[in-house]
Amino acid sequence: MDGDAEWRQWRREMFGDPYVVWHEGPQFAALLEAARREPRRVERMLRAGLAAGDTVAAQSFTGLAAAGLAPADAVSILRTGLIRATDEFRIRVAEALHALTGDPGWATPIAEVLTEATSELVRLDAAIALASFPPNSSLIQTLATAVVDPEYLVRYHAANTLLRWSGDPRQVDGVPTLLEKITDRAEGAWRAAADELTARLCR
C-alpha cells in the first residue's frame, strides 16, 4: 500500500467518514489515544497526511499540541510542510505551528493567503483564522484591505476580526453603521468601513 492510500485508510479509522469530518470538523479522541499507545506510528501517518496536503493532518498536530502529545520534531515536520502549502492547507499548518510554538509570527502565512488566494472561501477562512492572533500594524493593514474585498463574506469576516482586535465582542451584525457600509454596493463605503475599523485600533 502506498503512503497516500495508507494515510486515507488510517484517517478513516481515526476520524471516521470523510464527509462528516469535512462537515463537522475532526474529533481527536481516537487520535490522542493512538498517540499515547503508538506515537511513532501516529507521527509516521501524520507525516504522510502532510505530504498529501491533507488539512486534517495539520489540524491533528494542533490537537496533539493541546494535549501535550505532539511529536518531538513536530515543528520541523510542519515547517517542511509549509514550504509548498497553499490555501486552506497553508492556514491549518500555520495554525498548528502557532499552537506548538506560541509564536504570533505564524500569522504571516495566513495573511499571505488572505491577500493572494483566488477563492473567496479560502480568503474568508484566512480572515477568521487571523482573529486568534494578536494584531500588529501589518496584519491590521491586511485585514483593512480585506474589508474592501469584492466578496461580501470576506469583508464581513475581515471586519469581525478587526472588531475583535479592538476589544469589541460584537460581530458586524451588531454594529449597524458598519454593516450598512460593508453591505453597500459602493467600494467607497467599504473603504469607509475599513477606515473606521482601523481607527478603533489606533485610539
Protein backbone atom coordinates (compact mmCIF):
# COMPACT_ATOMS: atom_id res chain seq x y z
CA MET A 1 0.00 0.00 0.00
CA ASP A 2 1.44 3.40 -0.96
CA GLY A 3 1.70 6.25 1.53
CA ASP A 4 -1.37 8.13 0.32
CA ALA A 5 -3.59 5.05 0.42
CA GLU A 6 -2.29 4.08 3.87
CA TRP A 7 -2.98 7.61 5.12
CA ARG A 8 -6.52 7.60 3.74
CA GLN A 9 -7.27 4.28 5.41
CA TRP A 10 -5.76 5.37 8.72
CA ARG A 11 -7.53 8.73 8.51
CA ARG A 12 -10.89 6.98 8.23
CA GLU A 13 -10.03 4.74 11.19
CA MET A 14 -9.07 7.75 13.32
CA PHE A 15 -11.68 10.30 12.29
CA GLY A 16 -14.49 8.45 10.54
CA ASP A 17 -16.37 9.23 7.34
CA PRO A 18 -14.56 11.94 5.32
CA TYR A 19 -17.79 13.79 4.58
CA VAL A 20 -18.66 14.03 8.27
CA VAL A 21 -15.13 15.22 9.03
CA TRP A 22 -15.40 17.87 6.33
CA HIS A 23 -18.81 18.98 7.53
CA GLU A 24 -18.30 18.90 11.31
CA GLY A 25 -14.54 19.05 11.71
CA PRO A 26 -12.22 16.34 13.06
CA GLN A 27 -12.63 14.93 16.56
CA PHE A 28 -9.37 13.98 18.25
CA ALA A 29 -10.27 11.44 20.95
CA ALA A 30 -9.16 8.41 18.94
CA LEU A 31 -6.04 10.22 17.74
CA LEU A 32 -4.99 11.11 21.29
CA GLU A 33 -5.48 7.53 22.41
CA ALA A 34 -3.41 6.29 19.48
CA ALA A 35 -0.69 8.88 20.21
CA ARG A 36 -0.36 7.54 23.76
CA ARG A 37 -0.32 3.92 22.57
CA GLU A 38 1.82 4.09 19.41
CA PRO A 39 3.33 7.57 18.99
CA ARG A 40 5.77 6.56 16.27
CA ARG A 41 3.02 5.25 14.00
CA VAL A 42 0.93 8.35 14.60
CA GLU A 43 3.88 10.53 13.64
CA ARG A 44 4.54 8.47 10.52
CA MET A 45 0.92 8.69 9.42
CA LEU A 46 0.69 12.41 10.06
CA ARG A 47 3.84 12.92 8.02
CA ALA A 48 2.10 11.05 5.19
CA GLY A 49 -1.01 13.18 5.63
CA LEU A 50 1.00 16.38 5.43
CA ALA A 51 2.79 15.10 2.33
CA ALA A 52 -0.66 14.52 0.82
CA GLY A 53 -1.66 18.10 1.65
CA ASP A 54 -4.49 17.00 3.94
CA THR A 55 -5.78 19.69 6.29
CA VAL A 56 -6.83 17.05 8.82
CA ALA A 57 -3.18 16.07 9.26
CA ALA A 58 -2.28 19.67 10.03
CA GLN A 59 -5.22 20.02 12.43
CA SER A 60 -4.09 16.83 14.14
CA PHE A 61 -0.85 18.50 15.17
CA THR A 62 -2.91 21.29 16.75
CA GLY A 63 -4.98 18.70 18.63
CA LEU A 64 -1.88 16.86 19.79
CA ALA A 65 -0.21 20.09 20.89
CA ALA A 66 -3.19 20.98 23.07
CA ALA A 67 -2.88 17.59 24.80
CA GLY A 68 0.90 17.75 25.15
CA LEU A 69 1.29 14.79 22.82
CA ALA A 70 2.85 16.35 19.72
CA PRO A 71 5.91 14.56 18.28
CA ALA A 72 9.22 15.98 19.45
CA ASP A 73 10.09 17.22 15.96
CA ALA A 74 6.59 18.42 15.10
CA VAL A 75 7.75 21.98 14.41
CA SER A 76 10.34 20.78 11.93
CA ILE A 77 7.79 18.50 10.25
CA LEU A 78 5.30 21.34 9.89
CA ARG A 79 7.88 23.85 8.71
CA THR A 80 8.72 21.46 5.90
CA GLY A 81 5.03 21.02 5.12
CA LEU A 82 4.52 24.79 4.98
CA ILE A 83 7.05 25.31 2.20
CA ARG A 84 4.71 24.20 -0.57
CA ALA A 85 1.42 24.59 1.28
CA THR A 86 -1.27 26.77 -0.27
CA ASP A 87 -4.77 27.96 0.53
CA GLU A 88 -6.65 26.20 3.36
CA PHE A 89 -3.82 23.73 3.95
CA ARG A 90 -1.39 26.62 4.47
CA ILE A 91 -3.77 28.17 7.01
CA ARG A 92 -4.07 24.94 9.00
CA VAL A 93 -0.30 24.31 9.00
CA ALA A 94 0.38 27.85 10.22
CA GLU A 95 -2.24 27.44 12.95
CA ALA A 96 -0.57 24.22 14.06
CA LEU A 97 2.82 25.94 14.20
CA HIS A 98 1.28 28.70 16.28
CA ALA A 99 -0.24 26.14 18.65
CA LEU A 100 3.12 24.42 19.07
CA THR A 101 5.37 27.47 19.38
CA GLY A 102 3.15 30.27 20.63
CA ASP A 103 4.91 32.49 18.08
CA PRO A 104 2.46 35.08 16.67
CA GLY A 105 4.67 35.38 13.61
CA TRP A 106 2.88 32.37 12.15
CA ALA A 107 0.07 34.76 11.29
CA THR A 108 2.16 35.89 8.32
CA PRO A 109 1.48 32.84 6.09
CA ILE A 110 -2.23 33.19 6.86
CA ALA A 111 -2.16 36.88 5.95
CA GLU A 112 -0.50 35.91 2.67
CA VAL A 113 -3.37 33.54 1.94
CA LEU A 114 -5.88 36.29 2.69
CA THR A 115 -4.10 38.56 0.24
CA GLU A 116 -3.37 36.07 -2.53
CA ALA A 117 -5.98 33.28 -2.60
CA THR A 118 -8.31 33.26 -5.59
CA SER A 119 -11.15 31.51 -3.73
CA GLU A 120 -13.38 33.72 -1.60
CA LEU A 121 -13.97 30.74 0.72
CA VAL A 122 -10.25 30.46 1.37
CA ARG A 123 -9.90 34.21 1.89
CA LEU A 124 -12.73 34.32 4.43
CA ASP A 125 -11.21 31.29 6.18
CA ALA A 126 -7.95 33.23 6.50
CA ALA A 127 -9.78 36.30 7.83
CA ILE A 128 -11.43 34.16 10.52
CA ALA A 129 -8.17 32.38 11.42
CA LEU A 130 -6.33 35.66 12.00
CA ALA A 131 -8.69 36.52 14.87
CA SER A 132 -6.74 34.02 17.01
CA PHE A 133 -3.54 36.06 16.64
CA PRO A 134 -2.60 39.36 18.28
CA PRO A 135 -2.80 42.38 15.97
CA ASN A 136 0.16 44.29 14.62
CA SER A 137 0.33 47.11 12.09
CA SER A 138 0.95 44.80 9.14
CA LEU A 139 -1.94 42.47 10.00
CA ILE A 140 -4.27 45.40 10.63
CA GLN A 141 -3.48 46.75 7.17
CA THR A 142 -4.03 43.32 5.60
CA LEU A 143 -7.43 42.99 7.28
CA ALA A 144 -8.36 46.57 6.37
CA THR A 145 -7.61 45.75 2.74
CA ALA A 146 -9.79 42.65 3.04
CA VAL A 147 -12.67 44.84 4.24
CA VAL A 148 -12.58 46.24 0.69
CA ASP A 149 -12.67 42.75 -0.88
CA PRO A 150 -15.19 42.43 -3.74
CA GLU A 151 -16.84 39.48 -1.95
CA TYR A 152 -19.20 40.38 0.88
CA LEU A 153 -18.39 37.40 3.12
CA VAL A 154 -14.67 38.22 3.03
CA ARG A 155 -15.46 41.82 4.00
CA TYR A 156 -17.75 40.56 6.77
CA HIS A 157 -15.23 38.21 8.38
CA ALA A 158 -12.34 40.64 7.99
CA ALA A 159 -14.44 43.28 9.76
CA ASN A 160 -15.32 40.81 12.52
CA THR A 161 -11.63 40.12 13.16
CA LEU A 162 -10.83 43.84 13.32
CA LEU A 163 -13.71 44.34 15.74
CA ARG A 164 -12.39 41.54 17.94
CA TRP A 165 -8.91 43.06 17.91
CA SER A 166 -10.36 46.38 19.01
CA GLY A 167 -11.90 44.69 22.05
CA ASP A 168 -15.47 44.81 20.75
CA PRO A 169 -17.14 41.41 21.29
CA ARG A 170 -19.88 42.14 18.76
CA GLN A 171 -19.96 40.92 15.19
CA VAL A 172 -20.67 43.31 12.36
CA ASP A 173 -24.37 42.46 12.55
CA GLY A 174 -24.44 44.19 15.93
CA VAL A 175 -22.88 47.41 14.63
CA PRO A 176 -25.50 48.81 12.21
CA THR A 177 -23.33 51.63 10.86
CA LEU A 178 -20.58 49.18 9.88
CA LEU A 179 -22.98 46.63 8.48
CA GLU A 180 -24.55 49.29 6.30
CA LYS A 181 -21.15 50.21 4.89
CA ILE A 182 -19.91 46.71 4.10
CA THR A 183 -23.23 45.68 2.52
CA ASP A 184 -23.26 48.79 0.32
CA ARG A 185 -22.55 48.32 -3.38
CA ALA A 186 -20.03 51.12 -3.48
CA GLU A 187 -16.35 50.47 -2.83
CA GLY A 188 -16.13 53.88 -1.18
CA ALA A 189 -18.44 52.65 1.59
CA TRP A 190 -16.25 49.60 2.14
CA ARG A 191 -13.21 51.86 2.42
CA ALA A 192 -15.03 54.00 4.96
CA ALA A 193 -15.72 50.85 6.99
CA ALA A 194 -12.06 49.86 6.80
CA ASP A 195 -11.01 53.33 7.94
CA GLU A 196 -13.48 53.24 10.84
CA LEU A 197 -12.26 49.84 11.99
CA THR A 198 -8.62 50.85 11.70
CA ALA A 199 -9.29 54.00 13.70
CA ARG A 200 -10.75 51.87 16.52
CA LEU A 201 -7.40 50.10 16.81
CA CYS A 202 -5.37 53.29 16.75
CA ARG A 203 -7.15 55.04 19.62
